[in-house]
Amino acid sequence: MSLAENKRAYFDYEILEKYEVGIELSGQEVKSIKTGRINLSGSHVIIQNNQAWLLNADIPPYQPKNAPANYDPKRTRRLLLHKSEIAGLTGKTKEKGLTLLPLKVYIKGQKIKIEIGLGKSRKKADKREAIRKREIEKEIRRTK
């Protein structure tokens, strides 16, 4: 069951590979995400000290009046990956100039998972071409 999707990432980047990762959350963040209150736009993933981190993902408090005084909805959250996966991603991001982006948040069993993608930035012309293709597909659907 998908809870949130980062549509902007699919538009701005060409996604080459996808990975399913876990995320380290507090209890109220889990409740907030399960109600669908997460925003991935503008967020990205970095690898630092052999750990993956999710930056700028906005998770508002579950109950704003009961939230802890020092709660930061855009805090940096640790992503759970195997060391071999982290090593592979580190090499690819440094070597080829690729970017790691969160694509989708969903529930698998009782756990919240994030799908991250290894993306290559699109040029302006590529974006225009994607818009044209989308418009053509809309026209085809209308005529049917």
Protein backbone atom coordinates (compact mmCIF):
# COMPACT_ATOMS: atom_id res chain seq x y z
CA MET A 1 0.00 0.00 0.00
CA SER A 2 1.63 3.21 -1.20
CA LEU A 3 1.49 6.15 1.23
CA ALA A 4 3.40 8.84 -0.68
CA GLU A 5 5.16 9.27 -4.00
CA ASN A 6 7.78 11.76 -5.19
CA LYS A 7 6.45 12.61 -8.66
CA ARG A 8 8.91 15.45 -9.08
CA ALA A 9 11.84 13.02 -8.88
CA TYR A 10 10.50 11.06 -11.86
CA PHE A 11 10.22 14.31 -13.85
CA ASP A 12 13.60 15.84 -12.95
CA TYR A 13 15.65 12.62 -13.00
CA GLU A 14 16.01 9.52 -15.14
CA ILE A 15 15.81 6.66 -12.61
CA LEU A 16 18.39 3.96 -13.37
CA GLU A 17 18.09 1.63 -10.35
CA LYS A 18 15.67 1.23 -7.44
CA TYR A 19 16.28 -0.06 -3.92
CA GLU A 20 13.93 -0.94 -1.06
CA VAL A 21 15.20 0.36 2.29
CA GLY A 22 13.94 0.64 5.84
CA ILE A 23 13.85 3.85 7.82
CA GLU A 24 14.51 4.62 11.49
CA LEU A 25 11.51 6.48 12.96
CA SER A 26 10.04 7.45 16.30
CA GLY A 27 6.60 6.15 17.34
CA GLN A 28 4.65 9.29 16.51
CA GLU A 29 6.35 9.53 13.12
CA VAL A 30 5.17 6.01 12.29
CA LYS A 31 1.58 6.94 13.18
CA SER A 32 1.82 10.12 11.14
CA ILE A 33 3.17 8.29 8.08
CA LYS A 34 0.51 5.56 8.31
CA THR A 35 -2.16 8.28 8.06
CA GLY A 36 -0.44 9.46 4.86
CA ARG A 37 1.14 12.61 6.25
CA ILE A 38 4.59 12.61 4.66
CA ASN A 39 6.02 14.88 1.99
CA LEU A 40 9.00 13.70 -0.08
CA SER A 41 9.26 16.65 -2.46
CA GLY A 42 12.63 18.35 -2.18
CA SER A 43 14.13 15.50 -0.18
CA HIS A 44 17.22 13.50 -1.08
CA VAL A 45 19.51 10.79 0.25
CA ILE A 46 23.18 11.16 1.16
CA ILE A 47 25.75 8.61 2.28
CA GLN A 48 27.99 9.76 5.11
CA ASN A 49 30.25 7.72 7.43
CA ASN A 50 29.06 4.45 5.81
CA GLN A 51 25.41 5.21 6.62
CA ALA A 52 22.57 6.42 4.41
CA TRP A 53 20.56 9.46 5.55
CA LEU A 54 17.25 10.90 4.35
CA LEU A 55 17.29 14.71 4.30
CA ASN A 56 14.38 17.19 4.14
CA ALA A 57 11.54 14.66 4.22
CA ASP A 58 8.67 16.42 5.98
CA ILE A 59 6.79 14.30 8.54
CA PRO A 60 4.44 16.52 10.57
CA PRO A 61 3.63 15.47 14.14
CA TYR A 62 0.79 12.95 14.59
CA GLN A 63 -0.94 15.13 17.17
CA PRO A 64 0.49 18.66 16.97
CA LYS A 65 -0.68 19.61 20.46
CA ASN A 66 0.97 16.54 22.03
CA ALA A 67 4.22 16.73 20.05
CA PRO A 68 7.46 17.06 22.00
CA ALA A 69 8.71 20.63 22.32
CA ASN A 70 11.89 19.93 20.35
CA TYR A 71 10.23 17.96 17.50
CA ASP A 72 11.62 18.83 14.07
CA PRO A 73 9.45 17.56 11.17
CA LYS A 74 12.34 17.86 8.67
CA ARG A 75 15.02 16.18 10.77
CA THR A 76 17.59 13.89 9.17
CA ARG A 77 16.56 10.22 9.40
CA ARG A 78 18.76 7.14 9.04
CA LEU A 79 18.00 4.66 6.28
CA LEU A 80 18.59 0.97 6.88
CA LEU A 81 20.72 -0.71 4.23
CA HIS A 82 23.27 -3.53 4.19
CA LYS A 83 26.93 -2.46 4.21
CA SER A 84 27.48 -3.98 0.76
CA GLU A 85 24.57 -1.96 -0.67
CA ILE A 86 25.93 1.23 0.88
CA ALA A 87 29.39 0.54 -0.53
CA GLY A 88 27.95 -0.02 -4.02
CA LEU A 89 25.85 3.14 -3.87
CA THR A 90 28.79 5.19 -2.61
CA GLY A 91 30.88 4.13 -5.59
CA LYS A 92 28.14 4.86 -8.10
CA THR A 93 27.29 8.30 -6.73
CA LYS A 94 30.93 9.44 -6.61
CA GLU A 95 32.09 7.86 -9.85
CA LYS A 96 29.26 8.62 -12.25
CA GLY A 97 27.78 11.74 -10.68
CA LEU A 98 24.43 10.11 -9.94
CA THR A 99 21.98 11.20 -7.22
CA LEU A 100 20.02 9.18 -4.66
CA LEU A 101 16.36 10.19 -4.33
CA PRO A 102 13.42 8.87 -2.32
CA LEU A 103 10.72 7.78 -4.77
CA LYS A 104 7.95 6.18 -2.76
CA VAL A 105 6.91 5.39 0.84
CA TYR A 106 4.81 2.29 1.46
CA ILE A 107 3.90 -0.35 4.04
CA LYS A 108 5.25 -3.88 3.67
CA GLY A 109 3.87 -6.17 6.34
CA GLN A 110 4.03 -4.05 9.49
CA LYS A 111 7.09 -2.06 8.43
CA ILE A 112 7.37 1.25 6.62
CA LYS A 113 9.68 1.03 3.61
CA ILE A 114 11.08 3.64 1.28
CA GLU A 115 11.96 3.05 -2.34
CA ILE A 116 15.05 5.03 -3.26
CA GLY A 117 16.31 5.47 -6.78
CA LEU A 118 19.66 6.12 -8.34
CA GLY A 119 18.94 8.94 -10.78
CA LYS A 120 20.68 10.90 -13.47
CA SER A 121 19.59 14.52 -13.85
CA ARG A 122 17.61 15.31 -16.99
CA LYS A 123 18.42 18.21 -19.26
CA LYS A 124 15.77 20.80 -20.08
CA ALA A 125 15.19 19.31 -23.56
CA ASP A 126 14.56 15.87 -22.04
CA LYS A 127 11.95 17.38 -19.73
CA ARG A 128 10.19 19.01 -22.68
CA GLU A 129 10.18 15.68 -24.49
CA ALA A 130 8.62 13.97 -21.46
CA ILE A 131 5.88 16.63 -21.40
CA ARG A 132 5.21 16.12 -25.13
CA LYS A 133 4.92 12.34 -24.70
CA ARG A 134 2.50 12.81 -21.81
CA GLU A 135 0.36 15.20 -23.89
CA ILE A 136 0.27 12.76 -26.83
CA GLU A 137 -0.80 9.91 -24.53
CA LYS A 138 -3.61 12.10 -23.15
CA GLU A 139 -4.85 12.84 -26.69
CA ILE A 140 -4.81 9.14 -27.57
CA ARG A 141 -6.82 8.28 -24.46
CA ARG A 142 -9.37 11.02 -25.24
CA THR A 143 -9.96 9.78 -28.79
CA LYS A 144 -10.66 6.20 -27.67
